[in-house]
Protein backbone atom coordinates (compact mmCIF):
# COMPACT_ATOMS: atom_id res chain seq x y z
CA MET A 1 -0.09 0.01 -0.04
CA ASN A 2 1.29 3.59 -0.50
CA THR A 3 1.50 5.87 2.29
CA GLU A 4 3.16 8.66 0.66
CA HIS A 5 -0.39 10.51 -0.13
CA ALA A 6 -3.25 10.90 1.59
CA PRO A 7 -6.04 8.35 0.95
CA VAL A 8 -8.36 8.92 -2.07
CA VAL A 9 -11.75 9.61 -0.77
CA LEU A 10 -14.78 8.26 -2.49
CA ASP A 11 -17.67 10.34 -2.19
CA GLY A 12 -20.12 9.26 -5.41
CA LYS A 13 -19.51 12.44 -7.41
CA THR A 14 -15.65 13.47 -7.42
CA LEU A 15 -13.89 10.34 -8.45
CA THR A 16 -11.47 11.01 -11.54
CA PRO A 17 -9.54 8.61 -13.94
CA ALA A 18 -6.34 9.77 -12.42
CA ALA A 19 -7.52 8.76 -8.97
CA LEU A 20 -8.64 5.52 -9.88
CA VAL A 21 -5.42 4.75 -11.90
CA ALA A 22 -3.20 6.44 -8.16
CA VAL A 23 -5.02 3.67 -6.19
CA VAL A 24 -4.87 0.63 -8.95
CA ARG A 25 -1.96 0.96 -10.41
CA GLU A 26 0.27 2.72 -7.42
CA HIS A 27 -1.55 1.50 -4.71
CA GLN A 28 -2.82 4.38 -2.83
CA LEU A 29 -4.84 3.90 -0.22
CA LEU A 30 -8.91 4.37 -0.20
CA GLU A 31 -11.60 5.66 2.60
CA LEU A 32 -15.08 6.54 1.91
CA ASP A 33 -16.16 9.89 2.83
CA LYS A 34 -17.71 10.57 6.30
CA GLU A 35 -20.97 12.42 5.15
CA CYS A 36 -21.74 9.07 2.47
CA ARG A 37 -21.14 6.67 5.55
CA THR A 38 -23.90 8.97 7.68
CA ALA A 39 -26.19 8.51 5.27
CA LEU A 40 -25.29 5.12 3.85
CA ALA A 41 -26.28 3.80 7.37
CA GLN A 42 -29.33 5.84 7.73
CA ALA A 43 -30.63 4.67 4.71
CA ARG A 44 -29.80 1.24 5.77
CA GLU A 45 -31.73 1.96 8.83
CA TYR A 46 -34.74 2.37 7.06
CA ILE A 47 -34.67 -0.46 4.88
CA GLU A 48 -34.17 -2.78 7.87
CA THR A 49 -36.89 -1.45 9.68
CA ASN A 50 -39.84 -1.07 7.32
CA TRP A 51 -38.64 -3.07 4.02
CA LEU A 52 -37.54 -6.64 5.54
CA THR A 53 -40.72 -7.90 6.49
CA ASP A 54 -43.42 -10.28 5.07
CA ALA A 55 -45.60 -7.81 5.53
CA ALA A 56 -43.85 -5.59 2.90
CA PRO A 57 -44.73 -4.86 -0.30
CA LEU A 58 -43.04 -6.80 -3.26
CA MET A 59 -39.70 -4.46 -4.03
CA TYR A 60 -37.81 -6.02 -6.83
CA ALA A 61 -34.36 -7.94 -5.54
CA PHE A 62 -35.49 -7.24 -1.64
CA ASN A 63 -38.15 -10.06 -1.62
CA THR A 64 -37.91 -11.08 -4.78
CA GLY A 65 -36.98 -13.10 -7.39
CA VAL A 66 -34.76 -11.76 -10.32
CA GLY A 67 -34.70 -11.66 -14.23
CA SER A 68 -38.03 -13.56 -14.90
CA LEU A 69 -38.78 -14.58 -11.21
CA LYS A 70 -39.41 -11.22 -10.58
CA SER A 71 -42.88 -12.23 -9.29
CA LEU A 72 -42.41 -14.41 -7.05
CA ARG A 73 -41.79 -13.31 -3.02
CA ILE A 74 -39.05 -14.20 -1.02
CA GLY A 75 -39.92 -14.46 2.45
CA ALA A 76 -37.64 -12.92 5.15
CA LYS A 77 -36.43 -16.38 6.64
CA ASP A 78 -35.10 -16.98 3.18
CA VAL A 79 -33.10 -13.78 1.97
CA VAL A 80 -29.61 -14.73 3.05
CA ALA A 81 -29.85 -17.69 0.93
CA PHE A 82 -31.50 -15.96 -1.77
CA GLN A 83 -29.08 -13.79 -1.71
CA THR A 84 -25.58 -16.13 -1.25
CA ASN A 85 -27.23 -18.38 -4.27
CA LEU A 86 -27.61 -15.09 -6.69
CA ILE A 87 -23.58 -14.93 -5.95
CA ARG A 88 -23.50 -19.08 -6.69
CA SER A 89 -25.77 -18.87 -9.62
CA HIS A 90 -24.07 -15.72 -11.30
CA SER A 91 -20.43 -16.50 -10.99
CA ALA A 92 -20.71 -17.56 -14.29
CA SER A 93 -17.31 -16.11 -16.22
CA THR A 94 -14.76 -18.11 -18.24
CA GLY A 95 -11.66 -17.40 -19.96
CA GLU A 96 -8.28 -15.93 -19.05
CA LEU A 97 -8.27 -13.84 -16.20
CA MET A 98 -8.95 -10.58 -15.70
CA PRO A 99 -5.68 -8.49 -15.21
CA LYS A 100 -5.50 -7.34 -11.65
CA GLU A 101 -5.53 -3.73 -11.97
CA VAL A 102 -8.77 -4.15 -13.98
CA VAL A 103 -10.35 -6.21 -10.63
CA ARG A 104 -9.03 -3.67 -8.61
CA ALA A 105 -10.76 -0.61 -10.63
CA MET A 106 -13.57 -2.70 -10.44
CA MET A 107 -13.99 -2.84 -6.91
CA VAL A 108 -13.21 0.73 -6.43
CA LEU A 109 -15.78 1.66 -9.00
CA ARG A 110 -18.47 -0.14 -7.21
CA VAL A 111 -17.78 1.32 -3.95
CA ASN A 112 -18.14 4.42 -6.00
CA ALA A 113 -21.47 3.82 -7.18
CA PHE A 114 -22.35 2.71 -3.55
CA ALA A 115 -21.01 6.04 -2.08
CA SER A 116 -23.94 7.63 -3.96
CA ASN A 117 -26.75 6.52 -1.86
CA HIS A 118 -28.90 4.90 -4.08
CA SER A 119 -28.39 1.19 -3.82
CA GLY A 120 -29.27 0.54 -0.28
CA VAL A 121 -26.11 -1.81 0.76
CA ARG A 122 -24.90 -2.51 4.50
CA LEU A 123 -22.13 -0.61 5.17
CA VAL A 124 -20.02 -3.94 6.03
CA MET A 125 -20.15 -4.63 2.39
CA VAL A 126 -18.33 -1.09 1.62
CA ASP A 127 -15.77 -1.38 4.02
CA ARG A 128 -14.84 -5.11 2.52
CA LEU A 129 -14.19 -3.98 -0.29
CA LEU A 130 -12.12 -0.88 1.31
CA ASP A 131 -10.04 -3.70 3.17
CA MET A 132 -9.49 -5.69 0.12
CA LEU A 133 -8.01 -2.49 -1.50
CA ASN A 134 -6.19 -1.42 0.79
CA HIS A 135 -4.49 -4.69 1.95
CA ASP A 136 -3.91 -5.67 -1.77
CA ILE A 137 -6.11 -8.46 -1.82
CA THR A 138 -7.66 -9.25 -5.19
CA PRO A 139 -10.36 -11.78 -6.56
CA ILE A 140 -9.31 -13.84 -9.38
CA VAL A 141 -11.80 -13.05 -12.12
CA ALA A 142 -12.31 -14.66 -15.31
CA SER A 143 -13.05 -11.85 -18.00
CA LYS A 144 -15.50 -13.61 -20.28
CA GLY A 145 -19.04 -14.13 -20.06
CA SER A 146 -20.73 -10.72 -19.71
CA VAL A 147 -23.35 -9.21 -22.02
CA GLY A 148 -23.35 -5.56 -20.04
CA ALA A 149 -26.95 -5.80 -20.00
CA SER A 150 -27.87 -6.30 -16.26
CA GLY A 151 -24.37 -5.18 -15.59
CA ASP A 152 -21.46 -7.45 -15.88
CA LEU A 153 -23.30 -9.55 -13.40
CA ALA A 154 -20.64 -12.96 -14.02
CA PRO A 155 -17.43 -11.13 -13.22
CA LEU A 156 -19.26 -8.90 -10.51
CA ALA A 157 -20.35 -12.47 -8.94
CA LEU A 158 -16.62 -13.74 -8.74
CA MET A 159 -15.73 -10.46 -6.94
CA ALA A 160 -18.47 -10.83 -4.65
CA GLY A 161 -18.00 -14.63 -3.86
CA ALA A 162 -14.25 -13.49 -2.96
CA MET A 163 -15.65 -10.32 -0.67
CA MET A 164 -17.92 -13.50 1.00
CA GLY A 165 -15.17 -15.81 1.38
CA MET A 166 -16.69 -18.97 -0.40
CA PRO A 167 -14.92 -21.74 -0.27
CA GLU A 168 -14.82 -21.75 -4.07
CA SER A 169 -13.27 -18.31 -4.47
CA LYS A 170 -9.90 -17.53 -4.57
CA VAL A 171 -8.07 -14.71 -4.34
CA GLU A 172 -3.83 -12.86 -4.95
CA TYR A 173 -2.71 -12.09 -2.02
CA LYS A 174 1.15 -11.05 -1.44
CA GLY A 175 1.86 -12.55 -4.64
CA GLU A 176 0.50 -15.91 -3.77
CA VAL A 177 -3.04 -17.22 -5.17
CA LEU A 178 -4.65 -18.71 -2.57
CA SER A 179 -8.76 -19.18 -0.71
CA ALA A 180 -10.21 -15.75 0.53
CA ALA A 181 -11.19 -16.92 3.56
CA ALA A 182 -7.27 -17.55 3.77
CA ALA A 183 -6.18 -14.37 2.90
CA PHE A 184 -8.51 -12.71 5.30
CA GLU A 185 -7.35 -14.54 8.16
CA ARG A 186 -3.76 -13.51 6.96
CA ALA A 187 -4.41 -9.79 6.78
CA GLY A 188 -6.67 -10.04 10.08
CA LEU A 189 -9.84 -9.51 8.28
CA ALA A 190 -12.90 -12.03 9.09
CA PRO A 191 -12.66 -15.01 6.89
CA THR A 192 -16.21 -15.12 6.02
CA LEU A 193 -18.72 -12.58 5.19
CA ASP A 194 -22.88 -13.01 4.79
CA VAL A 195 -25.28 -11.06 2.06
CA GLN A 196 -28.39 -9.99 3.50
CA ALA A 197 -31.22 -8.39 1.33
CA LYS A 198 -29.88 -6.28 -1.45
CA ASP A 199 -26.22 -6.57 -0.68
CA ALA A 200 -25.78 -9.26 -3.65
CA THR A 201 -28.28 -7.70 -6.25
CA ALA A 202 -26.41 -4.19 -5.65
CA LEU A 203 -22.66 -6.16 -5.96
CA ILE A 204 -23.43 -7.62 -8.98
CA ASN A 205 -25.71 -5.11 -10.95
CA GLY A 206 -24.12 -2.31 -12.86
CA ALA A 207 -21.27 -2.50 -15.95
CA THR A 208 -18.54 -2.51 -13.52
CA ALA A 209 -16.16 -4.80 -15.52
CA SER A 210 -16.97 -2.48 -18.58
CA LEU A 211 -16.49 0.65 -16.78
CA ALA A 212 -12.61 -0.56 -15.30
CA TYR A 213 -11.71 -1.65 -18.41
CA ALA A 214 -12.71 1.26 -20.23
CA VAL A 215 -11.35 3.71 -18.05
CA LEU A 216 -8.20 2.36 -17.94
CA ALA A 217 -8.10 2.16 -21.51
CA ALA A 218 -9.08 5.58 -22.19
CA HIS A 219 -6.65 6.68 -19.40
CA ASP A 220 -3.63 4.77 -21.47
CA ALA A 221 -4.73 5.96 -24.87
CA ARG A 222 -4.29 9.59 -23.69
CA VAL A 223 -0.33 8.82 -23.14
CA LEU A 224 -0.30 6.88 -26.38
CA LEU A 225 -1.46 9.93 -28.33
CA SER A 226 0.93 12.16 -26.25
CA SER A 227 3.84 9.60 -27.16
CA ALA A 228 2.70 8.96 -30.85
CA THR A 229 3.14 12.78 -31.16
CA VAL A 230 6.56 12.68 -29.75
CA SER A 231 6.90 9.71 -32.26
CA LEU A 232 6.10 11.95 -34.95
CA ALA A 233 8.30 14.89 -34.26
CA LEU A 234 11.43 12.26 -34.26
CA SER A 235 10.39 11.20 -37.23
CA LEU A 236 9.98 14.58 -38.86
CA GLU A 237 13.46 15.25 -37.51
CA ALA A 238 14.85 12.15 -39.37
CA LEU A 239 13.45 12.85 -42.61
CA ARG A 240 13.63 16.28 -42.39
CA ALA A 241 10.65 17.27 -43.38
CA ASP A 242 9.10 20.42 -43.98
CA VAL A 243 7.11 21.64 -41.19
CA ALA A 244 5.34 24.91 -42.45
CA CYS A 245 1.76 22.77 -42.41
CA PHE A 246 2.14 22.97 -38.77
CA GLN A 247 1.59 26.67 -38.42
CA ASP A 248 -1.22 27.99 -36.19
CA ARG A 249 -2.75 30.45 -38.76
CA VAL A 250 -3.02 27.22 -41.11
CA MET A 251 -4.76 25.41 -38.38
CA LEU A 252 -7.35 28.50 -38.34
CA ALA A 253 -7.97 27.94 -41.71
CA ARG A 254 -9.66 25.00 -40.23
CA PRO A 255 -10.03 25.40 -36.84
CA HIS A 256 -11.01 21.92 -35.10
CA LYS A 257 -10.01 21.69 -31.55
CA GLY A 258 -7.99 18.77 -31.45
CA GLN A 259 -6.31 19.49 -34.46
CA ARG A 260 -5.05 22.99 -33.32
CA ARG A 261 -3.98 21.39 -30.25
CA VAL A 262 -1.75 18.66 -31.93
CA ALA A 263 -0.15 20.96 -34.19
CA ALA A 264 0.76 23.44 -31.13
CA SER A 265 2.24 20.34 -29.66
CA ILE A 266 4.36 19.41 -32.76
CA ARG A 267 5.70 23.42 -32.89
CA LYS A 268 6.50 22.82 -29.31
CA LEU A 269 8.22 19.51 -29.90
CA ILE A 270 10.44 20.75 -33.17
CA LYS A 271 10.95 24.32 -31.79
CA ASN A 272 14.33 25.47 -32.49
CA SER A 273 14.84 22.73 -34.81
CA ALA A 274 17.32 23.22 -37.42
CA ARG A 275 17.36 19.74 -39.16
CA CYS A 276 13.26 20.86 -40.70
CA THR A 277 14.96 23.49 -42.63
CA GLU A 278 15.56 23.52 -46.72
CA PRO A 279 19.79 23.71 -45.57
CA ALA A 280 19.52 20.46 -43.77
CA ARG A 281 17.46 18.95 -47.01
CA GLN A 282 20.12 20.16 -49.19
CA ILE A 283 22.94 18.02 -47.40
CA VAL A 284 23.65 14.75 -48.87
CA LEU A 285 23.34 11.65 -46.14
CA TRP A 286 25.47 8.73 -46.65
CA GLY A 287 23.27 6.38 -47.04
CA THR A 288 21.83 8.11 -50.21
CA PRO A 289 22.06 5.80 -53.29
CA ASN A 290 24.52 5.90 -55.86
CA VAL A 291 26.25 8.91 -54.44
CA GLU A 292 30.07 9.90 -54.98
CA SER A 293 31.82 9.32 -51.44
CA SER A 294 33.38 12.55 -51.57
CA THR A 295 30.10 14.58 -51.97
CA VAL A 296 28.66 12.74 -48.58
CA GLY A 297 27.79 15.54 -45.93
CA LEU A 298 27.84 18.48 -48.04
CA PRO A 299 25.17 20.46 -49.56
CA GLN A 300 23.91 19.07 -52.88
CA ASN A 301 25.50 20.37 -56.11
CA PRO A 302 23.49 21.46 -57.73
CA PRO A 303 20.80 21.98 -55.47
CA LEU A 304 17.91 20.34 -54.87
CA SER A 305 14.23 21.66 -56.01
CA PRO A 306 13.12 22.71 -52.69
CA ARG A 307 10.87 19.98 -51.34
CA ILE A 308 7.21 19.95 -52.24
CA GLN A 309 4.77 18.70 -49.74
CA ASP A 310 5.55 15.67 -47.57
CA ALA A 311 3.71 12.73 -47.56
CA TYR A 312 0.49 12.53 -45.70
CA SER A 313 1.78 10.72 -42.74
CA LEU A 314 3.92 13.85 -42.21
CA ARG A 315 1.92 16.33 -43.54
CA CYS A 316 -1.58 15.41 -42.03
CA ALA A 317 -0.45 14.70 -38.65
CA PRO A 318 -2.68 17.30 -36.87
CA GLN A 319 -5.67 16.37 -39.51
CA VAL A 320 -5.34 12.39 -38.01
CA HIS A 321 -4.13 12.88 -34.36
CA GLY A 322 -6.44 15.61 -34.26
CA PRO A 323 -9.81 13.44 -34.33
CA VAL A 324 -8.24 11.09 -31.82
CA LEU A 325 -7.64 13.51 -29.13
CA ASP A 326 -11.58 14.92 -29.86
CA ALA A 327 -12.59 11.34 -29.28
CA LEU A 328 -11.08 11.19 -26.30
CA GLU A 329 -12.55 14.16 -25.15
CA TYR A 330 -15.68 12.90 -25.89
CA ILE A 331 -15.19 9.74 -24.52
CA ASP A 332 -13.43 10.97 -21.00
CA GLY A 333 -16.83 12.82 -20.70
CA ILE A 334 -18.94 9.77 -20.75
CA LEU A 335 -16.64 8.15 -18.56
CA GLN A 336 -16.42 10.55 -16.34
CA THR A 337 -20.39 10.40 -15.74
CA GLU A 338 -20.64 6.42 -15.33
CA MET A 339 -17.60 6.38 -12.84
CA ASN A 340 -19.52 8.48 -10.50
CA SER A 341 -23.30 7.55 -11.22
CA ALA A 342 -25.39 4.89 -9.39
CA THR A 343 -25.81 1.97 -11.88
CA ASP A 344 -27.56 -0.49 -10.16
CA ASN A 345 -31.40 -1.73 -9.88
CA PRO A 346 -33.39 -1.11 -8.25
CA LEU A 347 -32.62 2.40 -7.22
CA ILE A 348 -33.44 4.04 -3.55
CA PHE A 349 -34.21 7.67 -3.13
CA PRO A 350 -35.09 9.76 0.10
CA GLU A 351 -38.31 11.29 0.33
CA ASP A 352 -38.91 13.16 3.06
CA ASP A 353 -38.48 11.08 6.08
CA ALA A 354 -38.73 7.68 4.00
CA TYR A 355 -37.25 6.29 0.78
CA GLU A 356 -38.67 5.18 -2.44
CA ILE A 357 -37.48 2.51 -4.42
CA VAL A 358 -37.53 2.75 -8.17
CA SER A 359 -36.98 0.22 -11.25
CA ALA A 360 -34.50 1.77 -13.58
CA GLY A 361 -32.12 0.97 -16.27
CA HIS A 362 -28.33 2.09 -15.20
CA PHE A 363 -27.08 -0.90 -15.06
CA HIS A 364 -27.24 -1.05 -19.32
CA GLY A 365 -23.58 -0.49 -20.61
CA GLN A 366 -24.90 1.01 -24.12
CA TYR A 367 -22.97 4.07 -23.08
CA ILE A 368 -19.41 2.49 -22.42
CA ALA A 369 -20.01 0.19 -25.38
CA GLN A 370 -20.33 2.94 -27.65
CA ALA A 371 -17.58 4.95 -26.29
CA MET A 372 -14.76 1.87 -26.38
CA ASP A 373 -16.11 1.00 -29.73
CA LEU A 374 -14.82 4.53 -30.64
CA LEU A 375 -11.93 4.29 -28.97
CA ALA A 376 -10.97 1.33 -30.49
CA LEU A 377 -11.70 2.92 -33.93
CA VAL A 378 -9.70 6.39 -33.21
CA VAL A 379 -6.91 4.15 -31.62
CA THR A 380 -6.56 2.14 -34.57
CA ASP A 381 -6.20 4.96 -37.14
CA LEU A 382 -3.42 6.44 -34.73
CA SER A 383 -1.43 2.68 -35.25
CA ALA A 384 -2.10 3.13 -38.54
CA ILE A 385 -0.32 6.30 -39.32
CA CYS A 386 2.80 5.57 -36.80
CA ASP A 387 3.06 2.48 -39.05
CA ARG A 388 3.04 4.62 -42.44
CA ARG A 389 5.88 6.74 -41.17
CA SER A 390 8.16 3.79 -39.20
CA SER A 391 7.67 1.94 -42.93
CA ARG A 392 9.09 5.24 -44.72
CA LEU A 393 11.86 5.34 -42.36
CA ILE A 394 13.37 1.90 -43.48
CA ASP A 395 12.38 2.39 -47.37
CA PRO A 396 15.42 3.85 -49.04
CA ALA A 397 12.77 5.04 -52.03
CA CYS A 398 10.96 7.18 -49.19
CA ASN A 399 13.53 8.42 -46.27
CA PHE A 400 15.73 11.03 -48.10
CA GLY A 401 19.47 8.84 -47.68
CA LEU A 402 19.09 7.24 -45.01
CA PRO A 403 20.59 3.86 -45.13
CA ALA A 404 18.23 1.05 -46.22
CA ASN A 405 16.80 -0.62 -43.45
CA LEU A 406 18.64 2.02 -41.27
CA ILE A 407 21.56 -0.67 -41.28
CA ALA A 408 24.63 1.00 -39.60
CA GLU A 409 27.40 -1.35 -41.14
CA ARG A 410 27.72 -4.29 -43.56
CA PRO A 411 24.08 -4.74 -45.32
CA GLY A 412 23.44 -8.15 -46.15
CA VAL A 413 25.79 -9.34 -43.30
CA ASN A 414 23.35 -7.38 -40.87
CA SER A 415 19.64 -7.02 -41.74
CA GLY A 416 18.50 -4.16 -39.88
CA PHE A 417 15.20 -3.24 -38.97
CA PRO A 418 12.74 -4.43 -41.53
CA THR A 419 11.41 -6.99 -39.54
CA VAL A 420 10.61 -4.38 -36.37
CA GLN A 421 8.68 -2.40 -38.82
CA SER A 422 6.42 -5.16 -40.18
CA MET A 423 5.95 -6.21 -36.25
CA GLY A 424 4.04 -2.88 -36.05
CA THR A 425 2.37 -3.65 -39.65
CA GLY A 426 1.29 -6.68 -38.20
CA LEU A 427 -0.11 -5.46 -34.91
CA VAL A 428 -2.21 -2.37 -37.26
CA LEU A 429 -3.27 -5.33 -39.16
CA GLU A 430 -4.81 -6.96 -35.87
CA ASN A 431 -6.37 -3.62 -34.74
CA MET A 432 -8.59 -3.19 -38.03
CA GLY A 433 -9.69 -6.57 -37.22
CA LEU A 434 -10.77 -5.61 -33.91
CA CYS A 435 -12.49 -2.11 -34.55
CA SER A 436 -16.09 -3.44 -35.70
CA PRO A 437 -18.55 -2.13 -33.75
CA ALA A 438 -19.14 -4.23 -30.52
CA SER A 439 -21.96 -2.12 -29.41
CA ALA A 440 -24.25 -2.59 -32.40
CA THR A 441 -24.24 -6.48 -32.01
CA SER A 442 -27.11 -7.24 -29.48
CA LEU A 443 -28.94 -10.71 -29.09
CA PRO A 444 -31.72 -11.24 -26.51
CA ALA A 445 -30.66 -13.39 -23.66
CA LYS A 446 -32.12 -15.26 -20.72
CA GLY A 447 -35.28 -15.75 -22.15
CA ASN A 448 -36.34 -12.25 -23.32
CA THR A 449 -35.86 -10.91 -19.90
CA GLU A 450 -32.90 -9.29 -21.41
CA ASP A 451 -34.04 -8.52 -24.49
CA HIS A 452 -31.58 -5.45 -25.68
CA ILE A 453 -27.64 -6.03 -24.46
CA SER A 454 -25.10 -3.57 -24.87
CA ASN A 455 -21.86 -5.90 -25.11
CA SER A 456 -19.69 -3.42 -23.12
CA CYS A 457 -17.19 -5.59 -21.38
CA PHE A 458 -16.43 -7.26 -24.69
CA ALA A 459 -16.18 -3.45 -26.62
CA ALA A 460 -13.81 -2.40 -23.50
CA ARG A 461 -11.87 -5.63 -23.00
CA ARG A 462 -11.16 -5.47 -27.09
CA SER A 463 -10.15 -1.61 -26.91
CA ARG A 464 -7.99 -2.44 -23.98
CA THR A 465 -5.98 -4.81 -26.49
CA VAL A 466 -6.31 -2.14 -29.20
CA VAL A 467 -4.38 0.31 -27.17
CA GLN A 468 -1.84 -2.26 -26.10
CA ASN A 469 -0.98 -3.20 -29.67
CA ALA A 470 -0.79 0.73 -30.53
CA GLN A 471 1.65 1.09 -27.58
CA ALA A 472 3.72 -1.36 -29.50
CA VAL A 473 3.20 0.52 -32.73
CA VAL A 474 4.59 3.69 -31.16
CA THR A 475 7.19 2.06 -29.90
CA VAL A 476 8.25 0.91 -33.40
CA GLU A 477 8.41 4.22 -34.56
CA LEU A 478 10.27 5.34 -31.64
CA LEU A 479 13.18 2.87 -32.34
CA LEU A 480 13.18 3.21 -35.56
CA ALA A 481 13.20 7.15 -35.80
CA ALA A 482 15.99 7.42 -32.94
CA GLN A 483 18.09 5.15 -34.87
CA ALA A 484 18.11 7.17 -38.14
CA LEU A 485 19.05 10.29 -36.10
CA ASP A 486 21.95 8.62 -34.90
CA LEU A 487 22.86 7.64 -38.26
CA SER A 488 22.38 10.72 -39.84
CA GLU A 489 24.27 12.86 -36.82
CA ARG A 490 27.81 12.65 -38.94
CA ASN A 491 26.69 14.60 -41.44
CA LEU A 492 23.80 16.35 -39.76
CA LYS A 493 25.66 17.38 -36.55
CA HIS A 494 25.72 21.31 -36.87
CA PHE A 495 21.76 20.80 -37.85
CA ALA A 496 20.33 20.90 -34.47
CA LEU A 497 17.20 18.94 -33.09
CA GLY A 498 14.65 20.63 -31.97
CA VAL A 499 14.18 21.06 -28.01
CA GLY A 500 11.10 18.07 -27.21
CA SER A 501 13.02 15.91 -30.28
CA GLN A 502 16.23 16.19 -28.39
CA ALA A 503 14.91 15.39 -24.93
CA ALA A 504 13.09 12.46 -26.46
CA LEU A 505 16.12 10.61 -28.28
CA LYS A 506 17.90 11.45 -25.02
CA ALA A 507 15.21 9.49 -23.00
CA ILE A 508 15.23 6.34 -25.60
CA ARG A 509 19.56 6.07 -25.50
CA ALA A 510 18.83 6.15 -21.67
CA VAL A 511 17.34 2.87 -21.91
CA VAL A 512 17.91 1.15 -25.43
CA PRO A 513 21.44 1.78 -26.99
CA ALA A 514 21.52 2.46 -31.01
CA THR A 515 22.18 0.00 -33.44
CA TRP A 516 25.96 -0.33 -34.46
CA GLY A 517 28.05 -2.85 -35.76
CA GLU A 518 26.14 -6.09 -35.51
CA ASP A 519 22.46 -6.61 -35.51
CA ARG A 520 20.96 -6.57 -32.19
CA TRP A 521 18.56 -8.92 -30.22
CA VAL A 522 15.63 -6.64 -31.04
CA HIS A 523 12.93 -8.45 -28.81
CA ASP A 524 14.30 -7.03 -25.55
CA ASP A 525 14.91 -3.62 -27.20
CA LEU A 526 11.22 -3.62 -28.13
CA ASN A 527 10.19 -4.53 -24.79
CA THR A 528 12.39 -2.17 -22.34
CA LEU A 529 11.18 0.90 -24.69
CA LYS A 530 7.68 -0.23 -24.70
CA LYS A 531 7.90 -0.19 -20.91
CA ALA A 532 9.05 3.10 -21.00
CA VAL A 533 5.92 4.25 -23.27
CA VAL A 534 3.76 2.66 -21.48
CA ASP A 535 4.59 4.15 -17.69
CA GLY A 536 5.17 7.14 -19.33
CA SER A 537 8.67 7.92 -18.98
CA ILE A 538 9.60 9.02 -22.66
CA LEU A 539 6.80 11.49 -22.30
CA ALA A 540 7.55 12.68 -18.97
CA ALA A 541 11.25 13.42 -19.93
CA VAL A 542 9.77 15.68 -22.78
CA GLU A 543 7.56 17.63 -20.77
CA ALA A 544 10.46 18.05 -18.94
CA ALA A 545 12.06 20.13 -21.43
CA VAL A 546 9.11 21.65 -23.13
CA GLY A 547 6.22 21.61 -20.76
CA SER A 548 3.06 19.68 -20.96
CA LEU A 549 1.98 18.43 -24.54
CA ASP A 550 -1.82 19.43 -23.51
CA LEU A 551 -2.99 16.20 -25.13
C-alpha cells in the first residue's frame, strides 16, 4: 500500500481517472467519505426497519426473485439464502483472467457507486471492499461471459464470492493465489461475510467490469496519443520534413480543436529545430544511393529543388492525431459520468422522512460500449499512421538518404530493422480486425428478460487490446526514428534537433542503445522501450524539457 499520499476519498461524485489509476496501479489508500458513511447507515436502517418483513410490498431484489422470477416473493427467512445463491448462480465467467489492475478498478468503482446512496447496501459490504483494496487482496476473476445488460453480472459475482470468503473463491494476496478466506485470515480480517437483503444484487448489478476496462484503456490512450506525437516529431526530424504545414494560421483555416492542439504540440516539440529546414534537406547523407563518397555531408550540387509537400503520414498528422484527441475528450466525458453514477437496480431515493424504490436501467452498458467502439476505431487509425511513418524510415525510396533498413554497417551481413517495422504492421492489421462495432451487436438473453444487450464488456476489453497493440506500434516508430537520427548525425551534426525531439532521443538512448556494428537482439530492445512508453517515462522526459503537450 502507498502511504506517501493522502487517501483517495470516495464520495460518489468526484472520482477521477487519475485518482482511480493511483489506487489500482500505485496502491494508494482508499476511504469512504464521512458524510456518505452516515447517509448509507441511515438509509440501511430505514430499509431494515420498514422493508425486510413479510408484510412489506413486493420490491424487486429485496424480497422478490430476479429476472424472469421477479414475481416470486422471497420470505424474510429465506433472504440470506436467496442472496447467497444469487452469487453462486451468477458466477458464470470463463476465459483468461482479468488483469489485477482491472479487478481492483472494478472494486473501486463499485464502492464509488454505493457512495451515491442509491443502492441500499450495508456498510459492512463497502468496508469489505475497502479493506480488500487497502490490504491488496484481489479476487481472481475470469474475463469473459458478460453481455453488459443487467450489468456485468458474472465477473462481479466472482468478485462478490471472494468478498464473502466462499470456499470456491480464490484471491491474489502478497503474490500468492489462495482461498479468499485464508487471505482474509492472514490479513487479520474476518474470513467470511454473509450477504443480506439487496447486498448481492447491489454488488453484481452495473456495467462495472466494462467501466474498469474502459477507464484504464482511455487513460492509457491519452498517454499513447502524446507518445505518438513525440514519435511523430522524431520522424519529422529524421526525414527533415517541411513543417510549415503545422503553423497556427494554417490550423485556424480549419479550426478543429484537437487538430489545432496537436499542431501546437508538434511546434513545441520541434522548436528551434534546424533539421526541419531547407539547408538541412540539401545535405547529402551517407545512405543516399549511388552517391560519390566525396559529396557525403555536403550540400547538394547543384541544389535540390525545394521539397514540395511531404507524405500524408507526416503532413496530415494533425488531421489524424487531432480527431483522436477530440474523440478522447468525448470518451472521457462519458466515462467521468459513469464513474460517478449509481448503476444498480432497483434504486432507492429519499422522500421526506422515508425512502422510495424505483426500478430502472442504469446497469445497461450502452454508453460504455459505444465509447469503447469509438476508442478502438480512433486508436487503430492512430496506430496505422504511426506504422506508415515507420515504413518510410526504412525505405530508401522514401527516407531521403537514410540507409536501407537503417543498417549501420555491412548490409547483407546485417539485416537491420525491416522485421521490427513489419511487426508494427502486423499489430495494425490486428487492430483493424478488432475495431468493428461491438455495441451494434445485440442478441436477447435470459429468455428475453434482457431483450437488448450492450456488449460493453467485450467492447471495453477489446479496446484495451487495441491500445496495447498501438503502444507497441508507437514503440517501433520511436525506435526506428531514433536509429535514423543517430545514423544521420555524422552528416547533420551542425543541424540541431528541436528541444523536445532532443529530449526524446536522450530518453530513448537512456534505455536502449543505437544499433552499430552487428544486429541486436531486438526483442529485448522493443520490450524495454515499450515499458518506457507505457509507464510514461519517455513522455515525462520530453515534457520536463518543453512543458505539457496538452493532449
